[in-house]
């Protein structure tokens, strides 16, 4: 961790084959 001069936030997108939100 100390070797990185800059640290950023990130986003995770999870793509499923559910077809609609309740199943996902």
PDBML (XML) file of the C-alpha atoms, coordinates in Angstrom:
<?xml version="1.0" encoding="UTF-8" ?>
<PDBx:datablock datablockName="MODEL"
   xmlns:PDBx="http://pdbml.pdb.org/schema/pdbx-v50.xsd"
   xmlns:xsi="http://www.w3.org/2001/XMLSchema-instance"
   xsi:schemaLocation="http://pdbml.pdb.org/schema/pdbx-v50.xsd pdbx-v50.xsd">
   <PDBx:atom_siteCategory>
      <PDBx:atom_site id="1">
         <PDBx:B_iso_or_equiv>0.00</PDBx:B_iso_or_equiv>
         <PDBx:Cartn_x>0.000</PDBx:Cartn_x>
         <PDBx:Cartn_y>0.000</PDBx:Cartn_y>
         <PDBx:Cartn_z>0.000</PDBx:Cartn_z>
         <PDBx:auth_asym_id>A</PDBx:auth_asym_id>
         <PDBx:auth_atom_id>CA</PDBx:auth_atom_id>
         <PDBx:auth_comp_id>UNK</PDBx:auth_comp_id>
         <PDBx:auth_seq_id>1</PDBx:auth_seq_id>
         <PDBx:group_PDB>ATOM</PDBx:group_PDB>
         <PDBx:label_alt_id xsi:nil="true" />
         <PDBx:label_asym_id>A</PDBx:label_asym_id>
         <PDBx:label_atom_id>CA</PDBx:label_atom_id>
         <PDBx:label_comp_id>UNK</PDBx:label_comp_id>
         <PDBx:label_entity_id>1</PDBx:label_entity_id>
         <PDBx:label_seq_id>1</PDBx:label_seq_id>
         <PDBx:occupancy>1.00</PDBx:occupancy>
         <PDBx:pdbx_PDB_model_num>1</PDBx:pdbx_PDB_model_num>
         <PDBx:type_symbol>C</PDBx:type_symbol>
      </PDBx:atom_site>
      <PDBx:atom_site id="2">
         <PDBx:B_iso_or_equiv>0.00</PDBx:B_iso_or_equiv>
         <PDBx:Cartn_x>2.818</PDBx:Cartn_x>
         <PDBx:Cartn_y>2.438</PDBx:Cartn_y>
         <PDBx:Cartn_z>0.839</PDBx:Cartn_z>
         <PDBx:auth_asym_id>A</PDBx:auth_asym_id>
         <PDBx:auth_atom_id>CA</PDBx:auth_atom_id>
         <PDBx:auth_comp_id>UNK</PDBx:auth_comp_id>
         <PDBx:auth_seq_id>2</PDBx:auth_seq_id>
         <PDBx:group_PDB>ATOM</PDBx:group_PDB>
         <PDBx:label_alt_id xsi:nil="true" />
         <PDBx:label_asym_id>A</PDBx:label_asym_id>
         <PDBx:label_atom_id>CA</PDBx:label_atom_id>
         <PDBx:label_comp_id>UNK</PDBx:label_comp_id>
         <PDBx:label_entity_id>1</PDBx:label_entity_id>
         <PDBx:label_seq_id>2</PDBx:label_seq_id>
         <PDBx:occupancy>1.00</PDBx:occupancy>
         <PDBx:pdbx_PDB_model_num>1</PDBx:pdbx_PDB_model_num>
         <PDBx:type_symbol>C</PDBx:type_symbol>
      </PDBx:atom_site>
      <PDBx:atom_site id="3">
         <PDBx:B_iso_or_equiv>0.00</PDBx:B_iso_or_equiv>
         <PDBx:Cartn_x>4.390</PDBx:Cartn_x>
         <PDBx:Cartn_y>1.956</PDBx:Cartn_y>
         <PDBx:Cartn_z>-2.582</PDBx:Cartn_z>
         <PDBx:auth_asym_id>A</PDBx:auth_asym_id>
         <PDBx:auth_atom_id>CA</PDBx:auth_atom_id>
         <PDBx:auth_comp_id>UNK</PDBx:auth_comp_id>
         <PDBx:auth_seq_id>3</PDBx:auth_seq_id>
         <PDBx:group_PDB>ATOM</PDBx:group_PDB>
         <PDBx:label_alt_id xsi:nil="true" />
         <PDBx:label_asym_id>A</PDBx:label_asym_id>
         <PDBx:label_atom_id>CA</PDBx:label_atom_id>
         <PDBx:label_comp_id>UNK</PDBx:label_comp_id>
         <PDBx:label_entity_id>1</PDBx:label_entity_id>
         <PDBx:label_seq_id>3</PDBx:label_seq_id>
         <PDBx:occupancy>1.00</PDBx:occupancy>
         <PDBx:pdbx_PDB_model_num>1</PDBx:pdbx_PDB_model_num>
         <PDBx:type_symbol>C</PDBx:type_symbol>
      </PDBx:atom_site>
      <PDBx:atom_site id="4">
         <PDBx:B_iso_or_equiv>0.00</PDBx:B_iso_or_equiv>
         <PDBx:Cartn_x>1.505</PDBx:Cartn_x>
         <PDBx:Cartn_y>3.686</PDBx:Cartn_y>
         <PDBx:Cartn_z>-4.379</PDBx:Cartn_z>
         <PDBx:auth_asym_id>A</PDBx:auth_asym_id>
         <PDBx:auth_atom_id>CA</PDBx:auth_atom_id>
         <PDBx:auth_comp_id>UNK</PDBx:auth_comp_id>
         <PDBx:auth_seq_id>4</PDBx:auth_seq_id>
         <PDBx:group_PDB>ATOM</PDBx:group_PDB>
         <PDBx:label_alt_id xsi:nil="true" />
         <PDBx:label_asym_id>A</PDBx:label_asym_id>
         <PDBx:label_atom_id>CA</PDBx:label_atom_id>
         <PDBx:label_comp_id>UNK</PDBx:label_comp_id>
         <PDBx:label_entity_id>1</PDBx:label_entity_id>
         <PDBx:label_seq_id>4</PDBx:label_seq_id>
         <PDBx:occupancy>1.00</PDBx:occupancy>
         <PDBx:pdbx_PDB_model_num>1</PDBx:pdbx_PDB_model_num>
         <PDBx:type_symbol>C</PDBx:type_symbol>
      </PDBx:atom_site>
      <PDBx:atom_site id="5">
         <PDBx:B_iso_or_equiv>0.00</PDBx:B_iso_or_equiv>
         <PDBx:Cartn_x>1.834</PDBx:Cartn_x>
         <PDBx:Cartn_y>7.488</PDBx:Cartn_y>
         <PDBx:Cartn_z>-4.539</PDBx:Cartn_z>
         <PDBx:auth_asym_id>A</PDBx:auth_asym_id>
         <PDBx:auth_atom_id>CA</PDBx:auth_atom_id>
         <PDBx:auth_comp_id>UNK</PDBx:auth_comp_id>
         <PDBx:auth_seq_id>5</PDBx:auth_seq_id>
         <PDBx:group_PDB>ATOM</PDBx:group_PDB>
         <PDBx:label_alt_id xsi:nil="true" />
         <PDBx:label_asym_id>A</PDBx:label_asym_id>
         <PDBx:label_atom_id>CA</PDBx:label_atom_id>
         <PDBx:label_comp_id>UNK</PDBx:label_comp_id>
         <PDBx:label_entity_id>1</PDBx:label_entity_id>
         <PDBx:label_seq_id>5</PDBx:label_seq_id>
         <PDBx:occupancy>1.00</PDBx:occupancy>
         <PDBx:pdbx_PDB_model_num>1</PDBx:pdbx_PDB_model_num>
         <PDBx:type_symbol>C</PDBx:type_symbol>
      </PDBx:atom_site>
      <PDBx:atom_site id="6">
         <PDBx:B_iso_or_equiv>0.00</PDBx:B_iso_or_equiv>
         <PDBx:Cartn_x>-1.891</PDBx:Cartn_x>
         <PDBx:Cartn_y>7.921</PDBx:Cartn_y>
         <PDBx:Cartn_z>-5.285</PDBx:Cartn_z>
         <PDBx:auth_asym_id>A</PDBx:auth_asym_id>
         <PDBx:auth_atom_id>CA</PDBx:auth_atom_id>
         <PDBx:auth_comp_id>UNK</PDBx:auth_comp_id>
         <PDBx:auth_seq_id>6</PDBx:auth_seq_id>
         <PDBx:group_PDB>ATOM</PDBx:group_PDB>
         <PDBx:label_alt_id xsi:nil="true" />
         <PDBx:label_asym_id>A</PDBx:label_asym_id>
         <PDBx:label_atom_id>CA</PDBx:label_atom_id>
         <PDBx:label_comp_id>UNK</PDBx:label_comp_id>
         <PDBx:label_entity_id>1</PDBx:label_entity_id>
         <PDBx:label_seq_id>6</PDBx:label_seq_id>
         <PDBx:occupancy>1.00</PDBx:occupancy>
         <PDBx:pdbx_PDB_model_num>1</PDBx:pdbx_PDB_model_num>
         <PDBx:type_symbol>C</PDBx:type_symbol>
      </PDBx:atom_site>
      <PDBx:atom_site id="7">
         <PDBx:B_iso_or_equiv>0.00</PDBx:B_iso_or_equiv>
         <PDBx:Cartn_x>-4.886</PDBx:Cartn_x>
         <PDBx:Cartn_y>5.827</PDBx:Cartn_y>
         <PDBx:Cartn_z>-4.238</PDBx:Cartn_z>
         <PDBx:auth_asym_id>A</PDBx:auth_asym_id>
         <PDBx:auth_atom_id>CA</PDBx:auth_atom_id>
         <PDBx:auth_comp_id>UNK</PDBx:auth_comp_id>
         <PDBx:auth_seq_id>7</PDBx:auth_seq_id>
         <PDBx:group_PDB>ATOM</PDBx:group_PDB>
         <PDBx:label_alt_id xsi:nil="true" />
         <PDBx:label_asym_id>A</PDBx:label_asym_id>
         <PDBx:label_atom_id>CA</PDBx:label_atom_id>
         <PDBx:label_comp_id>UNK</PDBx:label_comp_id>
         <PDBx:label_entity_id>1</PDBx:label_entity_id>
         <PDBx:label_seq_id>7</PDBx:label_seq_id>
         <PDBx:occupancy>1.00</PDBx:occupancy>
         <PDBx:pdbx_PDB_model_num>1</PDBx:pdbx_PDB_model_num>
         <PDBx:type_symbol>C</PDBx:type_symbol>
      </PDBx:atom_site>
      <PDBx:atom_site id="8">
         <PDBx:B_iso_or_equiv>0.00</PDBx:B_iso_or_equiv>
         <PDBx:Cartn_x>-8.263</PDBx:Cartn_x>
         <PDBx:Cartn_y>6.089</PDBx:Cartn_y>
         <PDBx:Cartn_z>-5.934</PDBx:Cartn_z>
         <PDBx:auth_asym_id>A</PDBx:auth_asym_id>
         <PDBx:auth_atom_id>CA</PDBx:auth_atom_id>
         <PDBx:auth_comp_id>UNK</PDBx:auth_comp_id>
         <PDBx:auth_seq_id>8</PDBx:auth_seq_id>
         <PDBx:group_PDB>ATOM</PDBx:group_PDB>
         <PDBx:label_alt_id xsi:nil="true" />
         <PDBx:label_asym_id>A</PDBx:label_asym_id>
         <PDBx:label_atom_id>CA</PDBx:label_atom_id>
         <PDBx:label_comp_id>UNK</PDBx:label_comp_id>
         <PDBx:label_entity_id>1</PDBx:label_entity_id>
         <PDBx:label_seq_id>8</PDBx:label_seq_id>
         <PDBx:occupancy>1.00</PDBx:occupancy>
         <PDBx:pdbx_PDB_model_num>1</PDBx:pdbx_PDB_model_num>
         <PDBx:type_symbol>C</PDBx:type_symbol>
      </PDBx:atom_site>
      <PDBx:atom_site id="9">
         <PDBx:B_iso_or_equiv>0.00</PDBx:B_iso_or_equiv>
         <PDBx:Cartn_x>-11.799</PDBx:Cartn_x>
         <PDBx:Cartn_y>4.919</PDBx:Cartn_y>
         <PDBx:Cartn_z>-5.352</PDBx:Cartn_z>
         <PDBx:auth_asym_id>A</PDBx:auth_asym_id>
         <PDBx:auth_atom_id>CA</PDBx:auth_atom_id>
         <PDBx:auth_comp_id>UNK</PDBx:auth_comp_id>
         <PDBx:auth_seq_id>9</PDBx:auth_seq_id>
         <PDBx:group_PDB>ATOM</PDBx:group_PDB>
         <PDBx:label_alt_id xsi:nil="true" />
         <PDBx:label_asym_id>A</PDBx:label_asym_id>
         <PDBx:label_atom_id>CA</PDBx:label_atom_id>
         <PDBx:label_comp_id>UNK</PDBx:label_comp_id>
         <PDBx:label_entity_id>1</PDBx:label_entity_id>
         <PDBx:label_seq_id>9</PDBx:label_seq_id>
         <PDBx:occupancy>1.00</PDBx:occupancy>
         <PDBx:pdbx_PDB_model_num>1</PDBx:pdbx_PDB_model_num>
         <PDBx:type_symbol>C</PDBx:type_symbol>
      </PDBx:atom_site>
      <PDBx:atom_site id="10">
         <PDBx:B_iso_or_equiv>0.00</PDBx:B_iso_or_equiv>
         <PDBx:Cartn_x>-13.223</PDBx:Cartn_x>
         <PDBx:Cartn_y>2.262</PDBx:Cartn_y>
         <PDBx:Cartn_z>-7.618</PDBx:Cartn_z>
         <PDBx:auth_asym_id>A</PDBx:auth_asym_id>
         <PDBx:auth_atom_id>CA</PDBx:auth_atom_id>
         <PDBx:auth_comp_id>UNK</PDBx:auth_comp_id>
         <PDBx:auth_seq_id>10</PDBx:auth_seq_id>
         <PDBx:group_PDB>ATOM</PDBx:group_PDB>
         <PDBx:label_alt_id xsi:nil="true" />
         <PDBx:label_asym_id>A</PDBx:label_asym_id>
         <PDBx:label_atom_id>CA</PDBx:label_atom_id>
         <PDBx:label_comp_id>UNK</PDBx:label_comp_id>
         <PDBx:label_entity_id>1</PDBx:label_entity_id>
         <PDBx:label_seq_id>10</PDBx:label_seq_id>
         <PDBx:occupancy>1.00</PDBx:occupancy>
         <PDBx:pdbx_PDB_model_num>1</PDBx:pdbx_PDB_model_num>
         <PDBx:type_symbol>C</PDBx:type_symbol>
      </PDBx:atom_site>
      <PDBx:atom_site id="11">
         <PDBx:B_iso_or_equiv>0.00</PDBx:B_iso_or_equiv>
         <PDBx:Cartn_x>-16.518</PDBx:Cartn_x>
         <PDBx:Cartn_y>0.891</PDBx:Cartn_y>
         <PDBx:Cartn_z>-8.893</PDBx:Cartn_z>
         <PDBx:auth_asym_id>A</PDBx:auth_asym_id>
         <PDBx:auth_atom_id>CA</PDBx:auth_atom_id>
         <PDBx:auth_comp_id>UNK</PDBx:auth_comp_id>
         <PDBx:auth_seq_id>11</PDBx:auth_seq_id>
         <PDBx:group_PDB>ATOM</PDBx:group_PDB>
         <PDBx:label_alt_id xsi:nil="true" />
         <PDBx:label_asym_id>A</PDBx:label_asym_id>
         <PDBx:label_atom_id>CA</PDBx:label_atom_id>
         <PDBx:label_comp_id>UNK</PDBx:label_comp_id>
         <PDBx:label_entity_id>1</PDBx:label_entity_id>
         <PDBx:label_seq_id>11</PDBx:label_seq_id>
         <PDBx:occupancy>1.00</PDBx:occupancy>
         <PDBx:pdbx_PDB_model_num>1</PDBx:pdbx_PDB_model_num>
         <PDBx:type_symbol>C</PDBx:type_symbol>
      </PDBx:atom_site>
      <PDBx:atom_site id="12">
         <PDBx:B_iso_or_equiv>0.00</PDBx:B_iso_or_equiv>
         <PDBx:Cartn_x>-17.560</PDBx:Cartn_x>
         <PDBx:Cartn_y>-2.718</PDBx:Cartn_y>
         <PDBx:Cartn_z>-9.414</PDBx:Cartn_z>
         <PDBx:auth_asym_id>A</PDBx:auth_asym_id>
         <PDBx:auth_atom_id>CA</PDBx:auth_atom_id>
         <PDBx:auth_comp_id>UNK</PDBx:auth_comp_id>
         <PDBx:auth_seq_id>12</PDBx:auth_seq_id>
         <PDBx:group_PDB>ATOM</PDBx:group_PDB>
         <PDBx:label_alt_id xsi:nil="true" />
         <PDBx:label_asym_id>A</PDBx:label_asym_id>
         <PDBx:label_atom_id>CA</PDBx:label_atom_id>
         <PDBx:label_comp_id>UNK</PDBx:label_comp_id>
         <PDBx:label_entity_id>1</PDBx:label_entity_id>
         <PDBx:label_seq_id>12</PDBx:label_seq_id>
         <PDBx:occupancy>1.00</PDBx:occupancy>
         <PDBx:pdbx_PDB_model_num>1</PDBx:pdbx_PDB_model_num>
         <PDBx:type_symbol>C</PDBx:type_symbol>
      </PDBx:atom_site>
      <PDBx:atom_site id="13">
         <PDBx:B_iso_or_equiv>0.00</PDBx:B_iso_or_equiv>
         <PDBx:Cartn_x>-20.204</PDBx:Cartn_x>
         <PDBx:Cartn_y>-3.582</PDBx:Cartn_y>
         <PDBx:Cartn_z>-12.011</PDBx:Cartn_z>
         <PDBx:auth_asym_id>A</PDBx:auth_asym_id>
         <PDBx:auth_atom_id>CA</PDBx:auth_atom_id>
         <PDBx:auth_comp_id>UNK</PDBx:auth_comp_id>
         <PDBx:auth_seq_id>13</PDBx:auth_seq_id>
         <PDBx:group_PDB>ATOM</PDBx:group_PDB>
         <PDBx:label_alt_id xsi:nil="true" />
         <PDBx:label_asym_id>A</PDBx:label_asym_id>
         <PDBx:label_atom_id>CA</PDBx:label_atom_id>
         <PDBx:label_comp_id>UNK</PDBx:label_comp_id>
         <PDBx:label_entity_id>1</PDBx:label_entity_id>
         <PDBx:label_seq_id>13</PDBx:label_seq_id>
         <PDBx:occupancy>1.00</PDBx:occupancy>
         <PDBx:pdbx_PDB_model_num>1</PDBx:pdbx_PDB_model_num>
         <PDBx:type_symbol>C</PDBx:type_symbol>
      </PDBx:atom_site>
      <PDBx:atom_site id="14">
         <PDBx:B_iso_or_equiv>0.00</PDBx:B_iso_or_equiv>
         <PDBx:Cartn_x>-21.706</PDBx:Cartn_x>
         <PDBx:Cartn_y>-7.059</PDBx:Cartn_y>
         <PDBx:Cartn_z>-11.702</PDBx:Cartn_z>
         <PDBx:auth_asym_id>A</PDBx:auth_asym_id>
         <PDBx:auth_atom_id>CA</PDBx:auth_atom_id>
         <PDBx:auth_comp_id>UNK</PDBx:auth_comp_id>
         <PDBx:auth_seq_id>14</PDBx:auth_seq_id>
         <PDBx:group_PDB>ATOM</PDBx:group_PDB>
         <PDBx:label_alt_id xsi:nil="true" />
         <PDBx:label_asym_id>A</PDBx:label_asym_id>
         <PDBx:label_atom_id>CA</PDBx:label_atom_id>
         <PDBx:label_comp_id>UNK</PDBx:label_comp_id>
         <PDBx:label_entity_id>1</PDBx:label_entity_id>
         <PDBx:label_seq_id>14</PDBx:label_seq_id>
         <PDBx:occupancy>1.00</PDBx:occupancy>
         <PDBx:pdbx_PDB_model_num>1</PDBx:pdbx_PDB_model_num>
         <PDBx:type_symbol>C</PDBx:type_symbol>
      </PDBx:atom_site>
      <PDBx:atom_site id="15">
         <PDBx:B_iso_or_equiv>0.00</PDBx:B_iso_or_equiv>
         <PDBx:Cartn_x>-23.458</PDBx:Cartn_x>
         <PDBx:Cartn_y>-8.216</PDBx:Cartn_y>
         <PDBx:Cartn_z>-14.868</PDBx:Cartn_z>
         <PDBx:auth_asym_id>A</PDBx:auth_asym_id>
         <PDBx:auth_atom_id>CA</PDBx:auth_atom_id>
         <PDBx:auth_comp_id>UNK</PDBx:auth_comp_id>
         <PDBx:auth_seq_id>15</PDBx:auth_seq_id>
         <PDBx:group_PDB>ATOM</PDBx:group_PDB>
         <PDBx:label_alt_id xsi:nil="true" />
         <PDBx:label_asym_id>A</PDBx:label_asym_id>
         <PDBx:label_atom_id>CA</PDBx:label_atom_id>
         <PDBx:label_comp_id>UNK</PDBx:label_comp_id>
         <PDBx:label_entity_id>1</PDBx:label_entity_id>
         <PDBx:label_seq_id>15</PDBx:label_seq_id>
         <PDBx:occupancy>1.00</PDBx:occupancy>
         <PDBx:pdbx_PDB_model_num>1</PDBx:pdbx_PDB_model_num>
         <PDBx:type_symbol>C</PDBx:type_symbol>
      </PDBx:atom_site>
      <PDBx:atom_site id="16">
         <PDBx:B_iso_or_equiv>0.00</PDBx:B_iso_or_equiv>
         <PDBx:Cartn_x>-25.820</PDBx:Cartn_x>
         <PDBx:Cartn_y>-11.164</PDBx:Cartn_y>
         <PDBx:Cartn_z>-14.508</PDBx:Cartn_z>
         <PDBx:auth_asym_id>A</PDBx:auth_asym_id>
         <PDBx:auth_atom_id>CA</PDBx:auth_atom_id>
         <PDBx:auth_comp_id>UNK</PDBx:auth_comp_id>
         <PDBx:auth_seq_id>16</PDBx:auth_seq_id>
         <PDBx:group_PDB>ATOM</PDBx:group_PDB>
         <PDBx:label_alt_id xsi:nil="true" />
         <PDBx:label_asym_id>A</PDBx:label_asym_id>
         <PDBx:label_atom_id>CA</PDBx:label_atom_id>
         <PDBx:label_comp_id>UNK</PDBx:label_comp_id>
         <PDBx:label_entity_id>1</PDBx:label_entity_id>
         <PDBx:label_seq_id>16</PDBx:label_seq_id>
         <PDBx:occupancy>1.00</PDBx:occupancy>
         <PDBx:pdbx_PDB_model_num>1</PDBx:pdbx_PDB_model_num>
         <PDBx:type_symbol>C</PDBx:type_symbol>
      </PDBx:atom_site>
      <PDBx:atom_site id="17">
         <PDBx:B_iso_or_equiv>0.00</PDBx:B_iso_or_equiv>
         <PDBx:Cartn_x>-28.091</PDBx:Cartn_x>
         <PDBx:Cartn_y>-13.084</PDBx:Cartn_y>
         <PDBx:Cartn_z>-16.860</PDBx:Cartn_z>
         <PDBx:auth_asym_id>A</PDBx:auth_asym_id>
         <PDBx:auth_atom_id>CA</PDBx:auth_atom_id>
         <PDBx:auth_comp_id>UNK</PDBx:auth_comp_id>
         <PDBx:auth_seq_id>17</PDBx:auth_seq_id>
         <PDBx:group_PDB>ATOM</PDBx:group_PDB>
         <PDBx:label_alt_id xsi:nil="true" />
         <PDBx:label_asym_id>A</PDBx:label_asym_id>
         <PDBx:label_atom_id>CA</PDBx:label_atom_id>
         <PDBx:label_comp_id>UNK</PDBx:label_comp_id>
         <PDBx:label_entity_id>1</PDBx:label_entity_id>
         <PDBx:label_seq_id>17</PDBx:label_seq_id>
         <PDBx:occupancy>1.00</PDBx:occupancy>
         <PDBx:pdbx_PDB_model_num>1</PDBx:pdbx_PDB_model_num>
         <PDBx:type_symbol>C</PDBx:type_symbol>
      </PDBx:atom_site>
      <PDBx:atom_site id="18">
         <PDBx:B_iso_or_equiv>0.00</PDBx:B_iso_or_equiv>
         <PDBx:Cartn_x>-31.104</PDBx:Cartn_x>
         <PDBx:Cartn_y>-12.674</PDBx:Cartn_y>
         <PDBx:Cartn_z>-14.563</PDBx:Cartn_z>
         <PDBx:auth_asym_id>A</PDBx:auth_asym_id>
         <PDBx:auth_atom_id>CA</PDBx:auth_atom_id>
         <PDBx:auth_comp_id>UNK</PDBx:auth_comp_id>
         <PDBx:auth_seq_id>18</PDBx:auth_seq_id>
         <PDBx:group_PDB>ATOM</PDBx:group_PDB>
         <PDBx:label_alt_id xsi:nil="true" />
         <PDBx:label_asym_id>A</PDBx:label_asym_id>
         <PDBx:label_atom_id>CA</PDBx:label_atom_id>
         <PDBx:label_comp_id>UNK</PDBx:label_comp_id>
         <PDBx:label_entity_id>1</PDBx:label_entity_id>
         <PDBx:label_seq_id>18</PDBx:label_seq_id>
         <PDBx:occupancy>1.00</PDBx:occupancy>
         <PDBx:pdbx_PDB_model_num>1</PDBx:pdbx_PDB_model_num>
         <PDBx:type_symbol>C</PDBx:type_symbol>
      </PDBx:atom_site>
      <PDBx:atom_site id="19">
         <PDBx:B_iso_or_equiv>0.00</PDBx:B_iso_or_equiv>
         <PDBx:Cartn_x>-33.104</PDBx:Cartn_x>
         <PDBx:Cartn_y>-10.417</PDBx:Cartn_y>
         <PDBx:Cartn_z>-16.899</PDBx:Cartn_z>
         <PDBx:auth_asym_id>A</PDBx:auth_asym_id>
         <PDBx:auth_atom_id>CA</PDBx:auth_atom_id>
         <PDBx:auth_comp_id>UNK</PDBx:auth_comp_id>
         <PDBx:auth_seq_id>19</PDBx:auth_seq_id>
         <PDBx:group_PDB>ATOM</PDBx:group_PDB>
         <PDBx:label_alt_id xsi:nil="true" />
         <PDBx:label_asym_id>A</PDBx:label_asym_id>
         <PDBx:label_atom_id>CA</PDBx:label_atom_id>
         <PDBx:label_comp_id>UNK</PDBx:label_comp_id>
         <PDBx:label_entity_id>1</PDBx:label_entity_id>
         <PDBx:label_seq_id>19</PDBx:label_seq_id>
         <PDBx:occupancy>1.00</PDBx:occupancy>
         <PDBx:pdbx_PDB_model_num>1</PDBx:pdbx_PDB_model_num>
         <PDBx:type_symbol>C</PDBx:type_symbol>
      </PDBx:atom_site>
      <PDBx:atom_site id="20">
         <PDBx:B_iso_or_equiv>0.00</PDBx:B_iso_or_equiv>
         <PDBx:Cartn_x>-34.773</PDBx:Cartn_x>
         <PDBx:Cartn_y>-8.430</PDBx:Cartn_y>
         <PDBx:Cartn_z>-14.104</PDBx:Cartn_z>
         <PDBx:auth_asym_id>A</PDBx:auth_asym_id>
         <PDBx:auth_atom_id>CA</PDBx:auth_atom_id>
         <PDBx:auth_comp_id>UNK</PDBx:auth_comp_id>
         <PDBx:auth_seq_id>20</PDBx:auth_seq_id>
         <PDBx:group_PDB>ATOM</PDBx:group_PDB>
         <PDBx:label_alt_id xsi:nil="true" />
         <PDBx:label_asym_id>A</PDBx:label_asym_id>
         <PDBx:label_atom_id>CA</PDBx:label_atom_id>
         <PDBx:label_comp_id>UNK</PDBx:label_comp_id>
         <PDBx:label_entity_id>1</PDBx:label_entity_id>
         <PDBx:label_seq_id>20</PDBx:label_seq_id>
         <PDBx:occupancy>1.00</PDBx:occupancy>
         <PDBx:pdbx_PDB_model_num>1</PDBx:pdbx_PDB_model_num>
         <PDBx:type_symbol>C</PDBx:type_symbol>
      </PDBx:atom_site>
      <PDBx:atom_site id="21">
         <PDBx:B_iso_or_equiv>0.00</PDBx:B_iso_or_equiv>
         <PDBx:Cartn_x>-33.779</PDBx:Cartn_x>
         <PDBx:Cartn_y>-7.006</PDBx:Cartn_y>
         <PDBx:Cartn_z>-10.726</PDBx:Cartn_z>
         <PDBx:auth_asym_id>A</PDBx:auth_asym_id>
         <PDBx:auth_atom_id>CA</PDBx:auth_atom_id>
         <PDBx:auth_comp_id>UNK</PDBx:auth_comp_id>
         <PDBx:auth_seq_id>21</PDBx:auth_seq_id>
         <PDBx:group_PDB>ATOM</PDBx:group_PDB>
         <PDBx:label_alt_id xsi:nil="true" />
         <PDBx:label_asym_id>A</PDBx:label_asym_id>
         <PDBx:label_atom_id>CA</PDBx:label_atom_id>
         <PDBx:label_comp_id>UNK</PDBx:label_comp_id>
         <PDBx:label_entity_id>1</PDBx:label_entity_id>
         <PDBx:label_seq_id>21</PDBx:label_seq_id>
         <PDBx:occupancy>1.00</PDBx:occupancy>
         <PDBx:pdbx_PDB_model_num>1</PDBx:pdbx_PDB_model_num>
         <PDBx:type_symbol>C</PDBx:type_symbol>
      </PDBx:atom_site>
      <PDBx:atom_site id="22">
         <PDBx:B_iso_or_equiv>0.00</PDBx:B_iso_or_equiv>
         <PDBx:Cartn_x>-35.573</PDBx:Cartn_x>
         <PDBx:Cartn_y>-9.439</PDBx:Cartn_y>
         <PDBx:Cartn_z>-8.348</PDBx:Cartn_z>
         <PDBx:auth_asym_id>A</PDBx:auth_asym_id>
         <PDBx:auth_atom_id>CA</PDBx:auth_atom_id>
         <PDBx:auth_comp_id>UNK</PDBx:auth_comp_id>
         <PDBx:auth_seq_id>22</PDBx:auth_seq_id>
         <PDBx:group_PDB>ATOM</PDBx:group_PDB>
         <PDBx:label_alt_id xsi:nil="true" />
         <PDBx:label_asym_id>A</PDBx:label_asym_id>
         <PDBx:label_atom_id>CA</PDBx:label_atom_id>
         <PDBx:label_comp_id>UNK</PDBx:label_comp_id>
         <PDBx:label_entity_id>1</PDBx:label_entity_id>
         <PDBx:label_seq_id>22</PDBx:label_seq_id>
         <PDBx:occupancy>1.00</PDBx:occupancy>
         <PDBx:pdbx_PDB_model_num>1</PDBx:pdbx_PDB_model_num>
         <PDBx:type_symbol>C</PDBx:type_symbol>
      </PDBx:atom_site>
      <PDBx:atom_site id="23">
         <PDBx:B_iso_or_equiv>0.00</PDBx:B_iso_or_equiv>
         <PDBx:Cartn_x>-33.794</PDBx:Cartn_x>
         <PDBx:Cartn_y>-12.432</PDBx:Cartn_y>
         <PDBx:Cartn_z>-9.856</PDBx:Cartn_z>
         <PDBx:auth_asym_id>A</PDBx:auth_asym_id>
         <PDBx:auth_atom_id>CA</PDBx:auth_atom_id>
         <PDBx:auth_comp_id>UNK</PDBx:auth_comp_id>
         <PDBx:auth_seq_id>23</PDBx:auth_seq_id>
         <PDBx:group_PDB>ATOM</PDBx:group_PDB>
         <PDBx:label_alt_id xsi:nil="true" />
         <PDBx:label_asym_id>A</PDBx:label_asym_id>
         <PDBx:label_atom_id>CA</PDBx:label_atom_id>
         <PDBx:label_comp_id>UNK</PDBx:label_comp_id>
         <PDBx:label_entity_id>1</PDBx:label_entity_id>
         <PDBx:label_seq_id>23</PDBx:label_seq_id>
         <PDBx:occupancy>1.00</PDBx:occupancy>
         <PDBx:pdbx_PDB_model_num>1</PDBx:pdbx_PDB_model_num>
         <PDBx:type_symbol>C</PDBx:type_symbol>
      </PDBx:atom_site>
      <PDBx:atom_site id="24">
         <PDBx:B_iso_or_equiv>0.00</PDBx:B_iso_or_equiv>
         <PDBx:Cartn_x>-30.489</PDBx:Cartn_x>
         <PDBx:Cartn_y>-10.550</PDBx:Cartn_y>
         <PDBx:Cartn_z>-9.796</PDBx:Cartn_z>
         <PDBx:auth_asym_id>A</PDBx:auth_asym_id>
         <PDBx:auth_atom_id>CA</PDBx:auth_atom_id>
         <PDBx:auth_comp_id>UNK</PDBx:auth_comp_id>
         <PDBx:auth_seq_id>24</PDBx:auth_seq_id>
         <PDBx:group_PDB>ATOM</PDBx:group_PDB>
         <PDBx:label_alt_id xsi:nil="true" />
         <PDBx:label_asym_id>A</PDBx:label_asym_id>
         <PDBx:label_atom_id>CA</PDBx:label_atom_id>
         <PDBx:label_comp_id>UNK</PDBx:label_comp_id>
         <PDBx:label_entity_id>1</PDBx:label_entity_id>
         <PDBx:label_seq_id>24</PDBx:label_seq_id>
         <PDBx:occupancy>1.00</PDBx:occupancy>
         <PDBx:pdbx_PDB_model_num>1</PDBx:pdbx_PDB_model_num>
         <PDBx:type_symbol>C</PDBx:type_symbol>
      </PDBx:atom_site>
   </PDBx:atom_siteCategory>
</PDBx:datablock>
